[in-house]
Amino acid sequence: MILRDFHVHTTFCDGKNSLEEVVLSAIEKGVKTLGIVTHSYTPFHIYGNLSPDSAYEFSKELNALKARFKDKIELLVGIEEDYFSRTDLSKFDYVIGDVHYLSNGIDFYSVDHRYIDMRECIDKVFGGDEYLAVEKYYKQMVAVVKRTNCQIVGHFDVLTKNNENSCLFDENHPRYVTAWKNAVDEILKFNPEIYFEVNVGGISRGYKDRPFPKKEIADYIRKKGGKLLLTSDSHRKETLCFEFEKWAKEYEV
């Protein structure tokens, strides 16, 4: 039984339950270490209602709960810091670094919300060259790791979320494979101790049948000496540690 989870959301961003509700649920489930995060603020946050001060309000409230429940559970205050965010990271116990957007410097497109967003981005920003978009995404992933010095790489290949039946790009294409391999290599060269999360959030929310990243990428990370960490990316208290036993065995975490 895996009794720790480091990627959990609440109503401070796009989760469905309050901080206290999530903490109480974790205690009831027997979770020993719980890392709760909020999304970082970006001025163009397209699909959320975060304020510039939301991360700091979140940190203050969660630290109060950390003290209150210290005898029952270890709570950690985390931030999911986007490539385009500029949060004061000193207020957090740990950082998940990741990429949610691509941009031409004027317009911003979500890579993981809707198929139509990514399709429009490829056509308008990258001249229809889907692999140029892929290469930019993975370069931004490397850049956010270096800028934030994060402890965890978040949902490494989340840009494949809406790529069922290769409707956006071929995940076996040499340019795609080279892009993610180069990113893994650069990240591990920068920080050999960093964790790549095995994120099951897409499974619990019903839009994927496997974690991020896919098994081929996870195997390559391990082969290169990298570390893997199971996370739920839970947005509801019921999905804390979702199917961890199954995916721990599948991914050898």
Protein backbone atom coordinates (compact mmCIF):
# COMPACT_ATOMS: atom_id res chain seq x y z
CA MET A 1 0.00 0.00 0.00
CA ILE A 2 1.48 3.32 -1.09
CA LEU A 3 0.66 5.90 1.57
CA ARG A 4 1.95 9.12 0.05
CA ASP A 5 0.69 11.43 -2.68
CA PHE A 6 2.37 14.66 -3.79
CA HIS A 7 0.04 16.08 -6.45
CA VAL A 8 -3.40 16.91 -5.09
CA HIS A 9 -5.63 19.91 -5.90
CA THR A 10 -8.38 21.66 -3.93
CA THR A 11 -10.87 24.48 -4.41
CA PHE A 12 -7.96 26.93 -4.26
CA CYS A 13 -7.62 26.22 -7.98
CA ASP A 14 -9.64 23.68 -9.97
CA GLY A 15 -10.26 20.99 -7.35
CA LYS A 16 -13.70 20.06 -6.04
CA ASN A 17 -12.99 19.88 -2.29
CA SER A 18 -11.62 22.28 0.30
CA LEU A 19 -8.19 21.89 1.86
CA GLU A 20 -9.64 20.56 5.10
CA GLU A 21 -11.91 18.09 3.31
CA VAL A 22 -8.95 16.68 1.39
CA VAL A 23 -6.77 16.44 4.50
CA LEU A 24 -9.49 14.66 6.49
CA SER A 25 -10.08 12.24 3.62
CA ALA A 26 -6.35 11.47 3.44
CA ILE A 27 -6.22 10.79 7.17
CA GLU A 28 -9.23 8.49 6.85
CA LYS A 29 -7.51 6.58 4.01
CA GLY A 30 -4.36 6.15 6.09
CA VAL A 31 -2.17 8.39 3.93
CA LYS A 32 1.03 9.23 5.80
CA THR A 33 2.43 12.04 3.63
CA LEU A 34 0.25 14.35 1.56
CA GLY A 35 1.54 17.08 -0.71
CA ILE A 36 -1.19 19.49 -1.75
CA VAL A 37 -0.52 21.96 -4.56
CA THR A 38 -2.19 24.88 -6.23
CA HIS A 39 -1.74 25.92 -9.82
CA SER A 40 0.45 28.96 -10.26
CA TYR A 41 -1.03 32.23 -11.46
CA THR A 42 -0.51 33.39 -15.04
CA PRO A 43 -1.94 36.73 -16.28
CA PHE A 44 -3.64 34.94 -19.17
CA HIS A 45 -4.97 31.97 -17.14
CA ILE A 46 -7.51 30.86 -19.68
CA TYR A 47 -9.45 28.15 -17.90
CA GLY A 48 -9.23 29.15 -14.25
CA ASN A 49 -10.01 31.98 -11.87
CA LEU A 50 -6.75 32.28 -9.96
CA SER A 51 -5.77 35.64 -8.53
CA PRO A 52 -2.19 36.94 -8.29
CA ASP A 53 -2.26 36.29 -4.53
CA SER A 54 -3.98 32.89 -4.63
CA ALA A 55 -0.80 30.85 -4.17
CA TYR A 56 0.18 32.79 -1.06
CA GLU A 57 -3.32 32.54 0.43
CA PHE A 58 -3.18 28.81 -0.24
CA SER A 59 0.20 28.50 1.45
CA LYS A 60 -1.00 30.35 4.54
CA GLU A 61 -4.12 28.21 4.98
CA LEU A 62 -2.37 24.91 4.34
CA ASN A 63 0.42 25.76 6.79
CA ALA A 64 -2.25 26.30 9.44
CA LEU A 65 -3.68 22.84 8.70
CA LYS A 66 -0.17 21.39 8.75
CA ALA A 67 0.25 22.55 12.34
CA ARG A 68 -3.26 21.48 13.31
CA PHE A 69 -2.93 17.91 12.04
CA LYS A 70 0.80 17.36 12.62
CA ASP A 71 0.16 14.33 14.85
CA LYS A 72 -2.01 12.61 12.25
CA ILE A 73 -0.41 13.29 8.87
CA GLU A 74 2.64 14.94 7.31
CA LEU A 75 1.40 17.77 5.11
CA LEU A 76 3.55 19.49 2.50
CA VAL A 77 2.77 22.79 0.80
CA GLY A 78 3.44 22.60 -2.94
CA ILE A 79 3.05 24.71 -6.05
CA GLU A 80 2.49 23.55 -9.62
CA GLU A 81 4.58 26.17 -11.34
CA ASP A 82 3.92 26.73 -15.03
CA TYR A 83 6.59 27.74 -17.53
CA PHE A 84 4.87 31.13 -17.93
CA SER A 85 4.40 31.79 -14.18
CA ARG A 86 6.66 33.81 -11.92
CA THR A 87 5.77 32.81 -8.36
CA ASP A 88 7.94 33.45 -5.31
CA LEU A 89 8.76 29.78 -4.74
CA SER A 90 10.43 30.33 -1.37
CA LYS A 91 7.07 29.99 0.39
CA PHE A 92 6.61 26.36 -0.65
CA ASP A 93 7.98 23.03 0.55
CA TYR A 94 8.40 21.75 -2.99
CA VAL A 95 7.72 22.64 -6.61
CA ILE A 96 6.22 20.69 -9.50
CA GLY A 97 7.46 22.25 -12.72
CA ASP A 98 5.42 21.81 -15.88
CA VAL A 99 4.06 23.28 -19.11
CA HIS A 100 0.40 24.00 -19.83
CA TYR A 101 0.68 26.51 -22.69
CA LEU A 102 2.38 27.31 -25.96
CA SER A 103 2.52 30.83 -27.34
CA ASN A 104 3.68 33.11 -30.13
CA GLY A 105 4.25 35.85 -27.54
CA ILE A 106 0.80 37.33 -28.05
CA ASP A 107 -1.71 34.47 -28.03
CA PHE A 108 -1.58 31.61 -25.55
CA TYR A 109 -2.90 28.12 -26.24
CA SER A 110 -3.53 25.34 -23.75
CA VAL A 111 -1.79 22.09 -24.63
CA ASP A 112 -4.00 19.90 -22.43
CA HIS A 113 -7.50 21.36 -22.32
CA ARG A 114 -9.18 20.82 -25.69
CA TYR A 115 -8.15 19.28 -28.99
CA ILE A 116 -9.23 22.44 -30.81
CA ASP A 117 -6.80 24.60 -28.80
CA MET A 118 -3.80 22.50 -29.72
CA ARG A 119 -4.92 22.21 -33.34
CA GLU A 120 -5.26 25.98 -33.64
CA CYS A 121 -1.89 26.48 -31.97
CA ILE A 122 -0.15 24.14 -34.41
CA ASP A 123 -1.74 25.86 -37.39
CA LYS A 124 -1.41 29.50 -36.32
CA VAL A 125 1.80 29.54 -34.28
CA PHE A 126 3.84 26.77 -35.90
CA GLY A 127 2.66 27.00 -39.52
CA GLY A 128 1.03 23.57 -39.39
CA ASP A 129 4.26 21.84 -38.33
CA GLU A 130 3.06 19.71 -35.42
CA TYR A 131 6.58 18.55 -34.57
CA LEU A 132 7.81 22.11 -34.28
CA ALA A 133 5.12 22.58 -31.63
CA VAL A 134 6.21 19.36 -29.92
CA GLU A 135 9.85 20.47 -29.92
CA LYS A 136 8.90 23.83 -28.43
CA TYR A 137 6.86 22.14 -25.71
CA TYR A 138 9.71 19.90 -24.59
CA LYS A 139 12.20 22.76 -24.71
CA GLN A 140 9.89 24.71 -22.40
CA MET A 141 9.77 21.69 -20.09
CA VAL A 142 13.55 21.77 -19.78
CA ALA A 143 13.49 25.53 -19.26
CA VAL A 144 10.93 25.44 -16.44
CA VAL A 145 12.96 22.79 -14.63
CA LYS A 146 16.10 24.92 -14.87
CA ARG A 147 14.34 28.15 -13.85
CA THR A 148 12.49 26.74 -10.86
CA ASN A 149 14.96 24.05 -9.76
CA CYS A 150 11.82 22.03 -9.06
CA GLN A 151 11.85 18.70 -7.26
CA ILE A 152 9.23 17.06 -9.53
CA VAL A 153 8.65 17.16 -13.29
CA GLY A 154 4.89 17.34 -13.81
CA HIS A 155 2.90 15.23 -16.33
CA PHE A 156 5.85 15.15 -18.74
CA ASP A 157 3.94 14.26 -21.93
CA VAL A 158 0.59 15.89 -21.12
CA LEU A 159 0.45 17.38 -24.62
CA THR A 160 -0.66 13.89 -25.73
CA LYS A 161 -3.89 14.21 -23.73
CA ASN A 162 -6.03 14.92 -26.81
CA ASN A 163 -3.92 12.94 -29.26
CA GLU A 164 -6.04 9.80 -29.43
CA ASN A 165 -5.51 7.89 -32.70
CA SER A 166 -2.60 10.26 -33.47
CA CYS A 167 -5.03 13.01 -34.45
CA LEU A 168 -2.45 15.72 -33.71
CA PHE A 169 0.89 13.98 -34.25
CA ASP A 170 2.50 10.55 -34.42
CA GLU A 171 4.05 9.68 -31.05
CA ASN A 172 6.39 7.25 -32.81
CA HIS A 173 7.66 9.85 -35.29
CA PRO A 174 11.45 10.33 -35.03
CA ARG A 175 11.08 14.06 -34.33
CA TYR A 176 8.66 13.41 -31.48
CA VAL A 177 10.83 10.72 -29.93
CA THR A 178 13.97 12.81 -30.30
CA ALA A 179 12.25 15.80 -28.66
CA TRP A 180 11.24 13.95 -25.49
CA LYS A 181 14.51 12.02 -25.25
CA ASN A 182 16.51 15.24 -25.52
CA ALA A 183 14.35 16.79 -22.79
CA VAL A 184 14.85 13.84 -20.45
CA ASP A 185 18.60 13.89 -21.05
CA GLU A 186 18.89 17.64 -20.42
CA ILE A 187 16.76 17.53 -17.28
CA LEU A 188 18.74 14.67 -15.77
CA LYS A 189 22.01 16.35 -16.67
CA PHE A 190 20.81 19.46 -14.85
CA ASN A 191 19.48 17.55 -11.81
CA PRO A 192 20.07 13.78 -11.59
CA GLU A 193 18.02 13.62 -8.37
CA ILE A 194 14.81 15.09 -9.79
CA TYR A 195 11.63 13.01 -9.85
CA PHE A 196 9.44 12.52 -12.92
CA GLU A 197 5.90 11.97 -11.78
CA VAL A 198 3.84 9.03 -13.01
CA ASN A 199 0.58 10.96 -13.07
CA VAL A 200 -2.68 8.96 -13.05
CA GLY A 201 -4.99 11.98 -13.08
CA GLY A 202 -6.10 11.38 -16.66
CA ILE A 203 -7.25 7.88 -15.71
CA SER A 204 -9.27 8.93 -12.67
CA ARG A 205 -10.96 11.69 -14.67
CA GLY A 206 -11.79 9.31 -17.50
CA TYR A 207 -9.93 10.72 -20.50
CA LYS A 208 -6.84 8.46 -20.62
CA ASP A 209 -6.20 4.77 -20.09
CA ARG A 210 -2.57 5.19 -19.02
CA PRO A 211 -0.53 7.62 -16.91
CA PHE A 212 1.59 10.55 -18.02
CA PRO A 213 4.23 9.79 -19.18
CA LYS A 214 3.61 6.71 -21.28
CA LYS A 215 5.50 3.56 -20.34
CA GLU A 216 8.14 3.93 -23.08
CA ILE A 217 9.17 7.32 -21.70
CA ALA A 218 9.14 6.09 -18.09
CA ASP A 219 11.37 3.16 -19.05
CA TYR A 220 13.80 5.53 -20.76
CA ILE A 221 13.88 7.79 -17.68
CA ARG A 222 14.69 4.81 -15.48
CA LYS A 223 17.31 3.55 -17.95
CA LYS A 224 19.01 6.95 -17.75
CA GLY A 225 19.11 6.78 -13.97
CA GLY A 226 16.08 8.99 -13.36
CA LYS A 227 13.55 8.61 -10.58
CA LEU A 228 9.81 8.02 -10.87
CA LEU A 229 7.13 9.08 -8.39
CA LEU A 230 3.47 8.06 -8.42
CA THR A 231 1.04 10.96 -8.09
CA SER A 232 -2.73 11.12 -8.39
CA ASP A 233 -3.16 14.68 -9.69
CA SER A 234 -6.39 14.31 -7.73
CA HIS A 235 -9.09 16.97 -8.05
CA ARG A 236 -11.55 15.15 -5.77
CA LYS A 237 -10.97 13.66 -2.34
CA GLU A 238 -12.21 10.28 -3.58
CA THR A 239 -9.29 9.94 -6.04
CA LEU A 240 -6.40 10.35 -3.62
CA CYS A 241 -3.77 7.66 -4.37
CA PHE A 242 -5.96 6.47 -7.26
CA GLU A 243 -5.03 2.95 -8.43
CA PHE A 244 -1.51 3.39 -7.03
CA GLU A 245 -0.99 -0.33 -6.43
CA LYS A 246 -1.83 -1.18 -10.05
CA TRP A 247 0.41 1.46 -11.62
CA ALA A 248 3.25 0.97 -9.16
CA LYS A 249 3.51 -2.59 -10.43
CA GLU A 250 3.05 -1.65 -14.10
CA TYR A 251 5.64 1.16 -14.01
CA GLU A 252 7.94 -0.49 -11.45
CA VAL A 253 7.77 2.57 -9.20
